[in-house]
C-alpha atoms as a PDB file:
ATOM      1  CA  MET A   1      17.090  18.143  48.064  1.00  0.00           C
ATOM      2  CA  SER A   2      19.089  19.858  45.320  1.00  0.00           C
ATOM      3  CA  LYS A   3      20.709  16.534  44.310  1.00  0.00           C
ATOM      4  CA  SER A   4      17.258  15.001  44.003  1.00  0.00           C
ATOM      5  CA  LEU A   5      16.083  17.904  41.882  1.00  0.00           C
ATOM      6  CA  GLY A   6      19.204  17.600  39.695  1.00  0.00           C
ATOM      7  CA  VAL A   7      18.607  13.885  39.173  1.00  0.00           C
ATOM      8  CA  GLY A   8      14.974  14.625  38.322  1.00  0.00           C
ATOM      9  CA  ARG A   9      16.016  17.238  35.757  1.00  0.00           C
ATOM     10  CA  ALA A  10      18.577  14.871  34.275  1.00  0.00           C
ATOM     11  CA  THR A  11      15.973  12.135  34.042  1.00  0.00           C
ATOM     12  CA  VAL A  12      13.532  14.476  32.304  1.00  0.00           C
ATOM     13  CA  LEU A  13      16.243  15.738  29.949  1.00  0.00           C
ATOM     14  CA  ALA A  14      17.279  12.164  29.117  1.00  0.00           C
ATOM     15  CA  ALA A  15      13.648  11.207  28.426  1.00  0.00           C
ATOM     16  CA  VAL A  16      13.222  14.232  26.128  1.00  0.00           C
ATOM     17  CA  LEU A  17      16.411  13.396  24.216  1.00  0.00           C
ATOM     18  CA  ILE A  18      15.425   9.752  23.830  1.00  0.00           C
ATOM     19  CA  SER A  19      11.994  10.794  22.553  1.00  0.00           C
ATOM     20  CA  ALA A  20      13.543  13.212  20.068  1.00  0.00           C
ATOM     21  CA  VAL A  21      15.979  10.596  18.724  1.00  0.00           C
ATOM     22  CA  ALA A  22      13.211   7.996  18.488  1.00  0.00           C
ATOM     23  CA  ALA A  23      11.055  10.446  16.487  1.00  0.00           C
ATOM     24  CA  VAL A  24      13.742  11.099  13.844  1.00  0.00           C
ATOM     25  CA  PRO A  25      13.127   7.903  11.780  1.00  0.00           C
ATOM     26  CA  SER A  26       9.407   8.647  11.725  1.00  0.00           C
ATOM     27  CA  ALA A  27      10.005  12.227  10.604  1.00  0.00           C
ATOM     28  CA  VAL A  28      12.413  11.042   7.895  1.00  0.00           C
ATOM     29  CA  ALA A  29       9.896   8.441   6.712  1.00  0.00           C
ATOM     30  CA  GLN A  30       7.181  11.087   6.474  1.00  0.00           C
ATOM     31  CA  SER A  31       9.388  13.486   4.521  1.00  0.00           C
ATOM     32  CA  ASN A  32      10.618  10.665   2.229  1.00  0.00           C
ATOM     33  CA  PRO A  33       7.622   8.378   1.768  1.00  0.00           C
ATOM     34  CA  GLN A  34       8.453   4.958   0.377  1.00  0.00           C
ATOM     35  CA  PRO A  35       6.013   2.705  -1.442  1.00  0.00           C
ATOM     36  CA  ALA A  36       4.374  -0.039   0.553  1.00  0.00           C
ATOM     37  CA  GLY A  37       5.984  -3.411   0.441  1.00  0.00           C
ATOM     38  CA  ASP A  38       9.498  -4.667   0.859  1.00  0.00           C
ATOM     39  CA  GLY A  39      11.125  -2.930  -2.074  1.00  0.00           C
ATOM     40  CA  PRO A  40      13.253  -5.133  -4.316  1.00  0.00           C
ATOM     41  CA  ALA A  41      12.854  -8.001  -1.827  1.00  0.00           C
ATOM     42  CA  GLU A  42       9.294  -8.363  -3.098  1.00  0.00           C
ATOM     43  CA  CYS A  43      10.558  -9.782  -6.385  1.00  0.00           C
ATOM     44  CA  GLY A  44      14.029 -10.928  -5.410  1.00  0.00           C
ATOM     45  CA  ALA A  45      17.594  -9.771  -5.761  1.00  0.00           C
ATOM     46  CA  GLY A  46      18.415  -7.692  -8.815  1.00  0.00           C
ATOM     47  CA  TYR A  47      14.965  -6.169  -9.322  1.00  0.00           C
ATOM     48  CA  THR A  48      14.513  -2.425  -9.145  1.00  0.00           C
ATOM     49  CA  LEU A  49      11.264  -0.538  -8.698  1.00  0.00           C
ATOM     50  CA  GLU A  50      10.546   1.168 -12.017  1.00  0.00           C
ATOM     51  CA  ARG A  51       7.129   2.682 -11.414  1.00  0.00           C
ATOM     52  CA  LEU A  52       4.016   2.796  -9.284  1.00  0.00           C
ATOM     53  CA  ILE A  53       0.554   2.849 -10.836  1.00  0.00           C
ATOM     54  CA  THR A  54      -2.268   4.015  -8.588  1.00  0.00           C
ATOM     55  CA  LEU A  55      -5.507   2.197  -9.317  1.00  0.00           C
ATOM     56  CA  PRO A  56      -7.952   3.095 -10.582  1.00  0.00           C
ATOM     57  CA  GLU A  57      -6.006   5.559 -12.689  1.00  0.00           C
ATOM     58  CA  GLY A  58      -7.178   9.138 -12.622  1.00  0.00           C
ATOM     59  CA  ASP A  59      -8.584  10.612  -9.424  1.00  0.00           C
ATOM     60  CA  PRO A  60      -6.141   9.812  -6.561  1.00  0.00           C
ATOM     61  CA  SER A  61      -8.935  10.175  -3.992  1.00  0.00           C
ATOM     62  CA  LYS A  62     -10.542   7.012  -5.432  1.00  0.00           C
ATOM     63  CA  ARG A  63      -7.362   4.910  -5.119  1.00  0.00           C
ATOM     64  CA  VAL A  64      -7.970   1.364  -3.859  1.00  0.00           C
ATOM     65  CA  ALA A  65      -4.630  -0.189  -4.816  1.00  0.00           C
ATOM     66  CA  THR A  66      -1.151   0.464  -6.131  1.00  0.00           C
ATOM     67  CA  LEU A  67       0.595  -1.681  -8.738  1.00  0.00           C
ATOM     68  CA  HIS A  68       4.361  -1.940  -8.149  1.00  0.00           C
ATOM     69  CA  VAL A  69       6.344  -2.597 -11.333  1.00  0.00           C
ATOM     70  CA  TYR A  70       9.874  -3.997 -11.090  1.00  0.00           C
ATOM     71  CA  GLU A  71      12.468  -4.801 -13.757  1.00  0.00           C
ATOM     72  CA  SER A  72      15.697  -6.792 -13.823  1.00  0.00           C
ATOM     73  CA  GLY A  73      17.310  -6.901 -17.253  1.00  0.00           C
ATOM     74  CA  SER A  74      14.602  -8.233 -19.563  1.00  0.00           C
ATOM     75  CA  LYS A  75      12.653  -9.800 -16.681  1.00  0.00           C
ATOM     76  CA  GLY A  76       9.651  -8.154 -15.084  1.00  0.00           C
ATOM     77  CA  CYS A  77       7.718  -8.495 -11.852  1.00  0.00           C
ATOM     78  CA  VAL A  78       4.522  -6.914 -10.529  1.00  0.00           C
ATOM     79  CA  VAL A  79       2.905  -6.764  -7.091  1.00  0.00           C
ATOM     80  CA  LEU A  80      -0.604  -5.447  -6.401  1.00  0.00           C
ATOM     81  CA  HIS A  81      -0.880  -3.715  -3.017  1.00  0.00           C
ATOM     82  CA  SER A  82      -4.348  -3.138  -1.601  1.00  0.00           C
ATOM     83  CA  ASP A  83      -5.092   0.207   0.054  1.00  0.00           C
ATOM     84  CA  MET A  84      -8.254  -1.188   1.625  1.00  0.00           C
ATOM     85  CA  ASP A  85      -8.259  -1.935   5.333  1.00  0.00           C
ATOM     86  CA  ARG A  86     -10.105  -5.217   5.034  1.00  0.00           C
ATOM     87  CA  PRO A  87      -9.557  -8.538   3.275  1.00  0.00           C
ATOM     88  CA  GLN A  88     -10.340  -8.391  -0.443  1.00  0.00           C
ATOM     89  CA  TYR A  89     -10.171 -10.800  -3.326  1.00  0.00           C
ATOM     90  CA  LEU A  90      -7.054  -9.752  -5.263  1.00  0.00           C
ATOM     91  CA  SER A  91      -6.066 -11.132  -8.648  1.00  0.00           C
ATOM     92  CA  LEU A  92      -2.927 -10.328 -10.626  1.00  0.00           C
ATOM     93  CA  LYS A  93      -2.017 -11.801 -14.018  1.00  0.00           C
ATOM     94  CA  VAL A  94       0.929 -11.228 -16.373  1.00  0.00           C
ATOM     95  CA  CYS A  95       0.923 -12.859 -19.811  1.00  0.00           C
ATOM     96  CA  ASN A  96       3.595 -13.594 -22.364  1.00  0.00           C
ATOM     97  CA  PRO A  97       2.755 -11.283 -25.306  1.00  0.00           C
ATOM     98  CA  ILE A  98       3.995 -13.828 -27.862  1.00  0.00           C
ATOM     99  CA  GLY A  99       2.323 -16.971 -26.567  1.00  0.00           C
ATOM    100  CA  SER A 100      -0.689 -17.697 -24.442  1.00  0.00           C
ATOM    101  CA  GLU A 101       1.174 -18.454 -21.217  1.00  0.00           C
ATOM    102  CA  CYS A 102       0.127 -16.444 -18.155  1.00  0.00           C
ATOM    103  CA  ASP A 103       1.321 -16.404 -14.567  1.00  0.00           C
ATOM    104  CA  THR A 104      -1.180 -15.460 -11.883  1.00  0.00           C
ATOM    105  CA  ASP A 105      -1.571 -14.941  -8.179  1.00  0.00           C
ATOM    106  CA  SER A 106      -4.972 -14.541  -6.572  1.00  0.00           C
ATOM    107  CA  GLY A 107      -6.734 -14.984  -3.291  1.00  0.00           C
ATOM    108  CA  ASN A 108      -8.156 -13.173  -0.304  1.00  0.00           C
ATOM    109  CA  SER A 109      -5.755 -10.739   1.319  1.00  0.00           C
ATOM    110  CA  ARG A 110      -5.744  -7.442   3.110  1.00  0.00           C
ATOM    111  CA  GLU A 111      -2.262  -6.692   1.744  1.00  0.00           C
ATOM    112  CA  SER A 112      -1.165  -7.852  -1.695  1.00  0.00           C
ATOM    113  CA  ALA A 113      -1.215 -10.211  -4.650  1.00  0.00           C
ATOM    114  CA  GLY A 114       2.058 -11.269  -6.185  1.00  0.00           C
ATOM    115  CA  PRO A 115       4.814 -11.136  -6.882  1.00  0.00           C
ATOM    116  CA  VAL A 116       4.101 -12.343 -10.409  1.00  0.00           C
ATOM    117  CA  ARG A 117       7.158 -12.579 -12.641  1.00  0.00           C
ATOM    118  CA  ILE A 118       7.687 -12.808 -16.380  1.00  0.00           C
ATOM    119  CA  SER A 119      10.932 -13.802 -18.098  1.00  0.00           C
ATOM    120  CA  SER A 120      10.594 -11.363 -21.028  1.00  0.00           C
ATOM    121  CA  TYR A 121       8.366  -8.441 -20.211  1.00  0.00           C
ATOM    122  CA  THR A 122       8.279  -6.427 -23.462  1.00  0.00           C
ATOM    123  CA  CYS A 123       4.621  -5.338 -23.909  1.00  0.00           C
ATOM    124  CA  ALA A 124       3.473  -8.043 -21.489  1.00  0.00           C
ATOM    125  CA  PRO A 125      -0.235  -7.549 -20.697  1.00  0.00           C
ATOM    126  CA  VAL A 126      -0.983  -7.105 -16.990  1.00  0.00           C
ATOM    127  CA  THR A 127      -4.418  -7.527 -15.408  1.00  0.00           C
ATOM    128  CA  ALA A 128      -5.216  -6.505 -11.833  1.00  0.00           C
ATOM    129  CA  LYS A 129      -8.610  -7.080 -10.227  1.00  0.00           C
ATOM    130  CA  MET A 130     -10.131  -6.450  -6.817  1.00  0.00           C
ATOM    131  CA  ALA A 131     -13.510  -7.579  -5.557  1.00  0.00           C
ATOM    132  CA  ASP A 132     -15.228  -8.377  -2.286  1.00  0.00           C
ATOM    133  CA  THR A 133     -15.074 -12.087  -3.096  1.00  0.00           C
ATOM    134  CA  SER A 134     -13.795 -14.259  -5.941  1.00  0.00           C
ATOM    135  CA  SER A 135     -17.335 -14.632  -7.292  1.00  0.00           C
ATOM    136  CA  SER A 136     -18.445 -10.993  -7.000  1.00  0.00           C
ATOM    137  CA  THR A 137     -18.153  -8.331  -9.696  1.00  0.00           C
ATOM    138  CA  PRO A 138     -14.748  -6.617  -9.514  1.00  0.00           C
ATOM    139  CA  TYR A 139     -14.794  -2.975  -8.456  1.00  0.00           C
ATOM    140  CA  LEU A 140     -11.274  -2.706  -9.889  1.00  0.00           C
ATOM    141  CA  ASN A 141     -10.614  -4.250 -13.296  1.00  0.00           C
ATOM    142  CA  TYR A 142      -7.381  -2.896 -14.751  1.00  0.00           C
ATOM    143  CA  THR A 143      -5.745  -4.240 -17.913  1.00  0.00           C
ATOM    144  CA  SER A 144      -2.832  -2.706 -19.776  1.00  0.00           C
ATOM    145  CA  GLU A 145      -0.206  -3.750 -22.297  1.00  0.00           C
ATOM    146  CA  PHE A 146       1.894  -0.739 -21.332  1.00  0.00           C
ATOM    147  CA  VAL A 147       2.834  -1.510 -17.720  1.00  0.00           C
ATOM    148  CA  PHE A 148       6.236  -2.627 -19.037  1.00  0.00           C
ATOM    149  CA  PRO A 149       8.042  -0.845 -21.907  1.00  0.00           C
ATOM    150  CA  CYS A 150       7.277  -1.953 -25.463  1.00  0.00           C
ATOM    151  CA  ASP A 151      10.374  -0.441 -27.064  1.00  0.00           C
ATOM    152  CA  ARG A 152      12.980  -2.995 -26.027  1.00  0.00           C
END
């Protein structure tokens, strides 16, 4: 009987240790939160995450999306991540500030729009929109010329 009890205790102890080790990555992730998405893999090798813009700007309790801004040399890349738990129409556009060329990504998604890249990002205007459908009025309509630096 004592061998059986010892095996039972060992089994319980092993289960507790396994549970504790399995919980460590979760605890580390909670203490070091990372932005949604795949990091630099979102835009490709060489890109680094430069900033996150919660949208709409201002009151964080009204956040519906986060704009991830990446840079690689003079190149830029943006990804719009939805914080909604349902499919939405997402639209993301980055324009060349010198010409009239724009790159876009749009469609229905519960996750993201993008990545949208630009070869020379200095002061490149970025527009991010979210709506229930492509034909409905956007409840998020963000435009800025200052997503990327203008002093380069």
